[in-house]
Amino acid sequence: MDELGGPTTFNHYPIGWAHAMDAPLQWTKQVASHFGGVRNGLVISWPARIKDRGGIRSQFHHVIDIAPTIFEAVGVQAPSMLNGVPQKPTEGVSMVYSFDDAKVSSKHRTQYFEMFANRAIYNDGWVACTTPPTPPWAASGKGVSVDDFKWELYNITEDFSEANDLATKEPKKLRELQDLFWIEAAKYNVLPLDNSKIERMDVSNRPSLTTGRSEFTFYPGMVRIPEGSAPDLKNKSYSITAELEIPAGGAEGVLMTQGGRFNGIGLYLLHGKPVVHYNLAGVERYSATGPDELAPGNHTIGFDFKYDGGGIGKSGLGTLTVDGKKVGEAKFPRTIPLRVSADETLDIGEDTGTPVSEDYQVPFKFTGNLKKVVIKLGDAKLSDADERELDEGESRRAVAE
């Protein structure tokens, strides 16, 4: 519990904490229709210009107003042309007008919100918003048409926490704001509305760079490769082979890594010894380490993983080799079944994210001469039932993020 919010905890936390920290506002992040997880305070400090030190301003503003505020404060205009490319007009309203007058009316009068078709429109103290058909963390189930979302209405000048729904009492006001939403949505390219999640969260890029391929060759400097463009090591056998040269003084560092502190796999040299480390969601960790430092000269480091099969996320045996000779072995009782990471990547020759193992600090660049890394994939051999389980798991993962 004490680690929550620190570098050793993932930046998602339990639903109950989200609700507690958003109280008394409704809902949480991802639910753009309501202000829980969306409405935030802003502190502006400018002693040479703002005389009302510690003053409070209650005018409505949005994150898009920060850039215009800075532009006006420093006395510049946003460029209309940059490197020969016409720029879109800067959206938002400068907040400088409020620095000298706490009671002046807000100049940001209208603002739309939308995410996964959860939507709202603010206008002069009123907010019309849709009720989420399902919470973001629930399994997807059958989708609800974007036209069938229920609408609510709030006067946030009197009801900032959106506790008193006025939709039935003020139908004309609700319709007025609904019409305004469609105007703003058309103006700012929000349309067409899309409340799909699984398709949009699909880890594979479209068109895929990996579909139909079983062998991949990577070279040093190839980093930040997203999961959809990387070989899929999940639920199958595979091999990783690194060809390298150790200088006279020895070498260490990352040869290949995918994922990081909260899920992933890494092949590296630590104090000159080859290591493969498998991190299962930060809950279980499996490693195999060679007993000897590599002598100067050319070497081939290999890791061969044989998947036991029988479903997704099952066990397997990993064998670590140096120049074709077995130097280590590790049984993986469980493996990553779905997605490795939402934000970490495949890196060659260094680790650009968080470390897969706490034995090293990023970027932990390889200090020898890494020639190439070859990854070969075996067949997944999943049954139709396994594939359905995989799809359902991806569905739950997508809505949770």
Protein backbone atom coordinates (compact mmCIF):
# COMPACT_ATOMS: atom_id res chain seq x y z
CA MET A 1 0.00 0.00 0.00
CA ASP A 2 2.81 2.42 0.82
CA GLU A 3 4.24 1.98 -2.68
CA LEU A 4 1.05 3.22 -4.38
CA GLY A 5 1.95 6.07 -6.72
CA GLY A 6 5.67 5.37 -6.60
CA PRO A 7 7.98 4.10 -9.36
CA THR A 8 7.53 0.46 -8.37
CA THR A 9 3.77 0.50 -8.89
CA PHE A 10 1.97 0.55 -12.22
CA ASN A 11 0.08 3.76 -12.93
CA HIS A 12 -3.28 2.03 -12.67
CA TYR A 13 -4.78 1.46 -9.26
CA PRO A 14 -7.88 -0.24 -7.82
CA ILE A 15 -11.31 1.05 -8.83
CA GLY A 16 -12.23 1.88 -5.25
CA TRP A 17 -9.28 4.25 -4.96
CA ALA A 18 -10.32 5.98 -8.17
CA HIS A 19 -13.83 6.58 -6.87
CA ALA A 20 -12.54 7.74 -3.50
CA MET A 21 -10.13 10.24 -5.01
CA ASP A 22 -12.77 11.54 -7.43
CA ALA A 23 -15.42 12.06 -4.74
CA PRO A 24 -17.75 13.87 -4.59
CA LEU A 25 -17.66 14.00 -8.40
CA GLN A 26 -19.24 11.17 -10.38
CA TRP A 27 -17.36 8.46 -12.26
CA THR A 28 -13.67 8.19 -13.10
CA LYS A 29 -11.06 8.53 -15.83
CA GLN A 30 -12.22 7.42 -19.31
CA VAL A 31 -15.74 8.60 -18.54
CA ALA A 32 -15.59 11.92 -20.33
CA SER A 33 -19.28 12.57 -19.72
CA HIS A 34 -18.82 13.31 -16.02
CA PHE A 35 -16.26 15.30 -14.05
CA GLY A 36 -14.89 12.54 -11.79
CA GLY A 37 -11.27 12.02 -12.89
CA VAL A 38 -11.71 14.89 -15.37
CA ARG A 39 -12.17 18.04 -13.31
CA ASN A 40 -8.89 19.23 -11.80
CA GLY A 41 -7.50 22.27 -10.09
CA LEU A 42 -4.80 24.43 -11.70
CA VAL A 43 -2.16 26.54 -9.95
CA ILE A 44 -0.64 29.50 -11.77
CA SER A 45 2.28 31.36 -10.24
CA TRP A 46 3.62 34.60 -11.76
CA PRO A 47 4.70 36.96 -8.93
CA ALA A 48 5.77 39.74 -11.28
CA ARG A 49 2.36 39.90 -12.93
CA ILE A 50 -0.29 38.34 -10.65
CA LYS A 51 -0.79 40.57 -7.61
CA ASP A 52 -3.61 38.57 -6.02
CA ARG A 53 -1.27 36.05 -4.43
CA GLY A 54 -3.19 33.01 -3.21
CA GLY A 55 -6.35 34.19 -4.92
CA ILE A 56 -9.01 31.82 -6.22
CA ARG A 57 -10.49 31.87 -9.70
CA SER A 58 -13.66 29.90 -10.44
CA GLN A 59 -14.08 30.62 -14.16
CA PHE A 60 -14.59 27.53 -16.31
CA HIS A 61 -11.52 26.56 -18.32
CA HIS A 62 -10.12 23.53 -20.10
CA VAL A 63 -6.66 22.08 -20.65
CA ILE A 64 -6.69 23.51 -24.18
CA ASP A 65 -6.54 26.97 -22.58
CA ILE A 66 -3.02 26.50 -21.21
CA ALA A 67 -1.20 27.11 -24.51
CA PRO A 68 -3.14 30.31 -25.34
CA THR A 69 -2.44 31.54 -21.80
CA ILE A 70 1.30 31.04 -22.25
CA PHE A 71 1.25 32.67 -25.69
CA GLU A 72 -0.45 35.80 -24.33
CA ALA A 73 1.71 35.88 -21.21
CA VAL A 74 4.95 35.91 -23.20
CA GLY A 75 3.55 38.11 -25.94
CA VAL A 76 3.75 35.82 -28.95
CA GLN A 77 1.26 34.50 -31.46
CA ALA A 78 0.91 30.87 -32.45
CA PRO A 79 2.47 30.40 -35.90
CA SER A 80 0.10 30.05 -38.82
CA MET A 81 2.83 28.34 -40.84
CA LEU A 82 5.63 26.03 -39.64
CA ASN A 83 8.32 24.66 -41.96
CA GLY A 84 6.03 25.37 -44.89
CA VAL A 85 3.09 23.51 -43.37
CA PRO A 86 -0.10 25.48 -42.57
CA GLN A 87 -1.01 25.05 -38.90
CA LYS A 88 -4.46 24.50 -37.47
CA PRO A 89 -5.77 27.45 -35.44
CA THR A 90 -4.95 27.22 -31.73
CA GLU A 91 -8.05 26.14 -29.85
CA GLY A 92 -8.81 27.40 -26.38
CA VAL A 93 -9.04 30.71 -24.53
CA SER A 94 -6.29 32.56 -22.67
CA MET A 95 -6.83 32.81 -18.91
CA VAL A 96 -4.82 36.03 -18.56
CA TYR A 97 -8.02 38.09 -18.44
CA SER A 98 -8.83 36.54 -15.03
CA PHE A 99 -5.52 37.45 -13.36
CA ASP A 100 -6.72 40.90 -12.27
CA ASP A 101 -10.42 40.17 -11.70
CA ALA A 102 -11.62 37.22 -9.66
CA LYS A 103 -15.27 37.81 -10.55
CA VAL A 104 -15.04 38.42 -14.29
CA SER A 105 -17.23 36.14 -16.40
CA SER A 106 -15.54 33.18 -18.03
CA LYS A 107 -14.49 33.63 -21.65
CA HIS A 108 -14.50 29.89 -22.23
CA ARG A 109 -18.23 29.49 -22.66
CA THR A 110 -18.59 26.17 -24.50
CA GLN A 111 -16.66 22.90 -24.36
CA TYR A 112 -17.41 19.40 -25.63
CA PHE A 113 -16.13 16.16 -24.06
CA GLU A 114 -16.05 12.70 -25.66
CA MET A 115 -14.36 9.32 -25.16
CA PHE A 116 -15.72 5.95 -26.33
CA ALA A 117 -18.99 7.82 -27.03
CA ASN A 118 -19.31 8.88 -23.38
CA ARG A 119 -19.90 12.55 -24.05
CA ALA A 120 -20.89 15.88 -22.59
CA ILE A 121 -21.29 19.50 -23.53
CA TYR A 122 -20.66 22.46 -21.24
CA ASN A 123 -22.23 25.83 -21.97
CA ASP A 124 -22.43 28.84 -19.65
CA GLY A 125 -22.69 26.84 -16.43
CA TRP A 126 -24.84 24.01 -17.74
CA VAL A 127 -23.69 20.48 -18.56
CA ALA A 128 -25.59 17.90 -20.59
CA CYS A 129 -23.99 14.47 -20.47
CA THR A 130 -24.64 10.84 -21.27
CA THR A 131 -24.87 8.08 -18.68
CA PRO A 132 -22.24 5.36 -19.32
CA PRO A 133 -24.11 2.17 -20.33
CA THR A 134 -21.36 0.13 -18.64
CA PRO A 135 -18.41 1.17 -16.49
CA PRO A 136 -15.01 1.10 -18.23
CA TRP A 137 -13.73 -1.72 -16.03
CA ALA A 138 -16.63 -4.10 -16.77
CA ALA A 139 -16.42 -6.87 -19.35
CA SER A 140 -17.67 -5.46 -22.62
CA GLY A 141 -20.76 -7.59 -23.19
CA LYS A 142 -23.19 -6.42 -25.86
CA GLY A 143 -22.50 -2.92 -27.05
CA VAL A 144 -25.07 -0.16 -26.74
CA SER A 145 -25.76 2.00 -29.77
CA VAL A 146 -24.37 5.50 -29.39
CA ASP A 147 -27.88 6.79 -30.09
CA ASP A 148 -29.29 4.90 -27.10
CA PHE A 149 -27.15 6.48 -24.38
CA LYS A 150 -29.31 8.16 -21.73
CA TRP A 151 -28.72 11.90 -21.22
CA GLU A 152 -28.51 13.83 -17.95
CA LEU A 153 -28.57 17.58 -17.27
CA TYR A 154 -26.84 19.57 -14.54
CA ASN A 155 -26.50 23.21 -13.54
CA ILE A 156 -22.95 23.13 -12.21
CA THR A 157 -23.00 26.74 -11.04
CA GLU A 158 -25.32 25.48 -8.28
CA ASP A 159 -24.43 21.75 -8.36
CA PHE A 160 -20.72 21.34 -9.09
CA SER A 161 -20.69 17.60 -8.25
CA GLU A 162 -23.50 16.81 -10.69
CA ALA A 163 -25.74 15.33 -8.01
CA ASN A 164 -29.13 16.71 -9.14
CA ASP A 165 -30.17 15.52 -12.61
CA LEU A 166 -32.52 18.10 -14.16
CA ALA A 167 -33.18 16.27 -17.44
CA THR A 168 -36.87 15.63 -16.76
CA LYS A 169 -37.48 19.10 -15.32
CA GLU A 170 -35.67 21.02 -18.06
CA PRO A 171 -36.29 19.10 -21.34
CA LYS A 172 -35.94 22.21 -23.53
CA LYS A 173 -32.57 23.06 -21.98
CA LEU A 174 -31.40 19.49 -22.44
CA ARG A 175 -32.39 19.48 -26.12
CA GLU A 176 -30.68 22.83 -26.64
CA LEU A 177 -27.41 21.44 -25.25
CA GLN A 178 -27.74 18.16 -27.16
CA ASP A 179 -28.02 20.10 -30.40
CA LEU A 180 -25.01 22.18 -29.38
CA PHE A 181 -22.99 19.02 -28.79
CA TRP A 182 -23.56 17.87 -32.37
CA ILE A 183 -22.50 21.28 -33.67
CA GLU A 184 -19.27 21.18 -31.65
CA ALA A 185 -18.67 17.52 -32.51
CA ALA A 186 -18.93 18.26 -36.22
CA LYS A 187 -16.73 21.35 -35.90
CA TYR A 188 -13.90 19.54 -34.08
CA ASN A 189 -13.93 16.23 -36.01
CA VAL A 190 -15.40 14.13 -33.22
CA LEU A 191 -17.76 12.37 -35.62
CA PRO A 192 -18.46 9.60 -36.29
CA LEU A 193 -18.88 8.50 -32.68
CA ASP A 194 -17.36 5.11 -31.92
CA ASN A 195 -17.93 3.22 -28.67
CA SER A 196 -16.04 0.07 -29.71
CA LYS A 197 -13.15 -0.91 -27.45
CA ILE A 198 -11.82 -4.31 -28.41
CA GLU A 199 -11.18 -3.33 -32.01
CA ARG A 200 -9.56 -0.03 -31.05
CA MET A 201 -7.41 -1.60 -28.34
CA ASP A 202 -6.21 -4.46 -30.55
CA VAL A 203 -2.48 -4.81 -29.94
CA SER A 204 -1.76 -5.71 -33.56
CA ASN A 205 -1.19 -2.82 -35.90
CA ARG A 206 -3.18 -2.70 -39.09
CA PRO A 207 -1.80 -3.59 -41.55
CA SER A 208 0.28 -5.96 -39.42
CA LEU A 209 4.04 -6.17 -39.92
CA THR A 210 4.23 -9.57 -38.25
CA THR A 211 1.29 -11.66 -39.51
CA GLY A 212 2.45 -14.72 -41.37
CA ARG A 213 6.10 -14.34 -40.41
CA SER A 214 8.01 -16.64 -38.08
CA GLU A 215 11.57 -15.25 -38.19
CA PHE A 216 12.75 -11.72 -37.39
CA THR A 217 16.22 -10.15 -37.41
CA PHE A 218 16.97 -7.05 -35.35
CA TYR A 219 20.05 -4.86 -35.04
CA PRO A 220 21.35 -2.44 -32.36
CA GLY A 221 19.49 0.84 -32.34
CA MET A 222 16.16 -0.78 -33.15
CA VAL A 223 14.22 0.34 -30.08
CA ARG A 224 10.73 1.42 -29.05
CA ILE A 225 9.13 -1.20 -31.32
CA PRO A 226 5.45 -1.41 -30.29
CA GLU A 227 3.99 -4.76 -29.41
CA GLY A 228 1.87 -4.90 -32.55
CA SER A 229 5.02 -4.63 -34.68
CA ALA A 230 7.08 -7.06 -32.61
CA PRO A 231 7.21 -10.86 -32.71
CA ASP A 232 4.45 -12.34 -30.55
CA LEU A 233 6.13 -14.53 -27.91
CA LYS A 234 2.91 -15.42 -26.10
CA ASN A 235 1.35 -18.90 -25.94
CA LYS A 236 3.94 -20.59 -28.14
CA SER A 237 7.49 -21.90 -28.37
CA TYR A 238 10.20 -19.52 -29.58
CA SER A 239 13.94 -18.91 -29.68
CA ILE A 240 16.04 -15.77 -29.23
CA THR A 241 19.60 -15.77 -30.56
CA ALA A 242 22.09 -12.93 -30.10
CA GLU A 243 25.40 -12.76 -31.96
CA LEU A 244 27.94 -10.53 -30.21
CA GLU A 245 31.58 -9.76 -29.61
CA ILE A 246 33.07 -9.28 -26.15
CA PRO A 247 35.98 -6.79 -25.97
CA ALA A 248 39.15 -7.41 -23.97
CA GLY A 249 37.80 -5.66 -20.87
CA GLY A 250 34.52 -7.63 -20.82
CA ALA A 251 30.98 -6.38 -21.44
CA GLU A 252 27.48 -6.28 -20.04
CA GLY A 253 24.12 -4.82 -20.90
CA VAL A 254 20.81 -5.58 -22.59
CA LEU A 255 20.76 -7.68 -25.73
CA MET A 256 16.97 -7.81 -26.11
CA THR A 257 14.05 -6.86 -23.91
CA GLN A 258 10.29 -6.61 -24.31
CA GLY A 259 8.14 -5.11 -21.60
CA GLY A 260 9.46 -3.83 -18.30
CA ARG A 261 9.00 -3.72 -14.56
CA PHE A 262 5.39 -4.86 -14.68
CA ASN A 263 5.55 -7.59 -17.35
CA GLY A 264 8.07 -8.81 -19.86
CA ILE A 265 11.22 -10.71 -20.77
CA GLY A 266 14.86 -9.71 -21.04
CA LEU A 267 18.06 -11.31 -22.36
CA TYR A 268 21.20 -9.56 -21.14
CA LEU A 269 24.68 -9.86 -19.71
CA LEU A 270 25.10 -8.97 -16.04
CA HIS A 271 28.69 -8.69 -14.83
CA GLY A 272 29.65 -10.51 -17.99
CA LYS A 273 27.33 -13.50 -17.38
CA PRO A 274 24.36 -14.28 -19.67
CA VAL A 275 20.92 -13.95 -18.07
CA VAL A 276 17.36 -14.49 -19.22
CA HIS A 277 14.73 -13.00 -16.92
CA TYR A 278 10.98 -13.52 -17.25
CA ASN A 279 8.72 -11.14 -15.36
CA LEU A 280 5.11 -12.30 -15.01
CA ALA A 281 3.15 -9.17 -14.13
CA GLY A 282 5.61 -8.36 -11.35
CA VAL A 283 4.08 -11.20 -9.34
CA GLU A 284 6.30 -14.11 -10.38
CA ARG A 285 9.81 -13.99 -11.83
CA TYR A 286 11.83 -16.77 -13.44
CA SER A 287 15.52 -16.56 -14.37
CA ALA A 288 18.32 -18.61 -15.85
CA THR A 289 21.92 -17.41 -15.49
CA GLY A 290 25.11 -18.77 -16.98
CA PRO A 291 27.79 -19.57 -14.38
CA ASP A 292 30.73 -17.95 -16.17
CA GLU A 293 31.65 -14.56 -17.59
CA LEU A 294 32.04 -14.58 -21.34
CA ALA A 295 35.63 -14.52 -22.52
CA PRO A 296 36.72 -11.89 -25.06
CA GLY A 297 35.80 -12.76 -28.63
CA ASN A 298 32.75 -13.75 -30.65
CA HIS A 299 29.87 -15.58 -29.00
CA THR A 300 26.31 -16.68 -29.70
CA ILE A 301 23.84 -16.41 -26.81
CA GLY A 302 20.65 -18.39 -27.25
CA PHE A 303 17.42 -18.83 -25.35
CA ASP A 304 15.10 -21.61 -26.48
CA PHE A 305 11.63 -21.78 -24.95
CA LYS A 306 9.49 -24.88 -25.34
CA TYR A 307 5.83 -24.17 -24.59
CA ASP A 308 3.94 -27.00 -22.90
CA GLY A 309 0.64 -25.99 -24.50
CA GLY A 310 -2.76 -26.96 -23.19
CA GLY A 311 -4.20 -23.48 -23.36
CA ILE A 312 -3.13 -19.86 -22.95
CA GLY A 313 -0.63 -18.63 -20.37
CA LYS A 314 0.58 -22.14 -19.66
CA SER A 315 4.00 -23.42 -18.61
CA GLY A 316 7.18 -24.09 -20.54
CA LEU A 317 10.88 -24.82 -20.22
CA GLY A 318 13.55 -22.27 -21.15
CA THR A 319 17.12 -23.25 -21.98
CA LEU A 320 19.99 -20.75 -22.02
CA THR A 321 22.99 -21.55 -24.22
CA VAL A 322 26.39 -20.06 -25.01
CA ASP A 323 27.95 -21.06 -28.31
CA GLY A 324 25.57 -24.00 -28.56
CA LYS A 325 26.27 -25.34 -25.07
CA LYS A 326 23.62 -25.36 -22.34
CA VAL A 327 24.57 -23.08 -19.43
CA GLY A 328 21.24 -22.61 -17.67
CA GLU A 329 17.63 -23.71 -17.52
CA ALA A 330 14.40 -22.35 -16.04
CA LYS A 331 10.90 -23.75 -15.77
CA PHE A 332 8.20 -21.13 -16.29
CA PRO A 333 5.12 -22.42 -14.37
CA ARG A 334 2.98 -19.71 -15.95
CA THR A 335 3.50 -17.30 -18.84
CA ILE A 336 2.02 -14.05 -20.12
CA PRO A 337 -1.27 -15.00 -21.84
CA LEU A 338 -2.58 -11.74 -23.30
CA ARG A 339 -0.72 -8.48 -23.74
CA VAL A 340 2.82 -7.77 -22.55
CA SER A 341 2.33 -4.06 -21.93
CA ALA A 342 0.25 -1.03 -22.80
CA ASP A 343 3.28 1.26 -22.98
CA GLU A 344 6.55 -0.72 -22.97
CA THR A 345 8.25 -1.89 -26.17
CA LEU A 346 10.74 -4.25 -27.79
CA ASP A 347 14.30 -2.90 -27.52
CA ILE A 348 17.56 -4.21 -28.96
CA GLY A 349 20.90 -3.39 -27.33
CA GLU A 350 19.39 -1.33 -24.50
CA ASP A 351 16.24 -0.92 -22.41
CA THR A 352 14.36 2.31 -23.09
CA GLY A 353 11.58 1.80 -20.56
CA THR A 354 11.49 0.43 -17.05
CA PRO A 355 13.79 -2.53 -16.26
CA VAL A 356 12.46 -6.04 -16.70
CA SER A 357 14.65 -7.00 -13.75
CA GLU A 358 15.67 -4.89 -10.77
CA ASP A 359 19.21 -6.25 -11.24
CA TYR A 360 20.02 -3.38 -13.59
CA GLN A 361 19.17 0.26 -14.20
CA VAL A 362 17.96 1.46 -17.58
CA PRO A 363 19.05 2.00 -20.27
CA PHE A 364 21.78 -0.57 -19.50
CA LYS A 365 23.22 -0.35 -23.01
CA PHE A 366 25.31 -3.27 -24.13
CA THR A 367 28.97 -2.30 -23.88
CA GLY A 368 30.27 -4.89 -26.33
CA ASN A 369 29.60 -5.25 -30.04
CA LEU A 370 26.10 -6.61 -30.61
CA LYS A 371 25.84 -7.79 -34.20
CA LYS A 372 22.22 -8.93 -34.40
CA VAL A 373 19.35 -10.62 -32.56
CA VAL A 374 17.22 -13.23 -34.32
CA ILE A 375 13.82 -14.28 -32.99
CA LYS A 376 12.09 -17.37 -34.34
CA LEU A 377 8.51 -18.29 -33.51
CA GLY A 378 6.93 -21.72 -33.24
CA ASP A 379 3.26 -22.49 -33.82
CA ALA A 380 0.77 -21.43 -31.17
CA LYS A 381 -1.28 -24.64 -31.49
CA LEU A 382 -4.29 -23.14 -29.74
CA SER A 383 -7.69 -24.81 -29.89
CA ASP A 384 -10.86 -22.97 -30.87
CA ALA A 385 -11.74 -22.81 -27.17
CA ASP A 386 -8.31 -21.32 -26.42
CA GLU A 387 -8.82 -18.70 -29.11
CA ARG A 388 -12.19 -17.75 -27.62
CA GLU A 389 -10.63 -17.47 -24.18
CA LEU A 390 -7.89 -15.31 -25.66
CA ASP A 391 -10.42 -13.01 -27.31
CA GLU A 392 -12.44 -12.72 -24.10
CA GLY A 393 -9.28 -11.95 -22.15
CA GLU A 394 -8.29 -9.25 -24.62
CA SER A 395 -11.80 -7.84 -24.24
CA ARG A 396 -11.45 -7.55 -20.47
CA ARG A 397 -7.97 -6.08 -20.82
CA ALA A 398 -9.13 -3.50 -23.33
CA VAL A 399 -12.01 -2.18 -21.25
CA ALA A 400 -9.85 -2.14 -18.13
CA GLU A 401 -7.39 0.22 -19.81
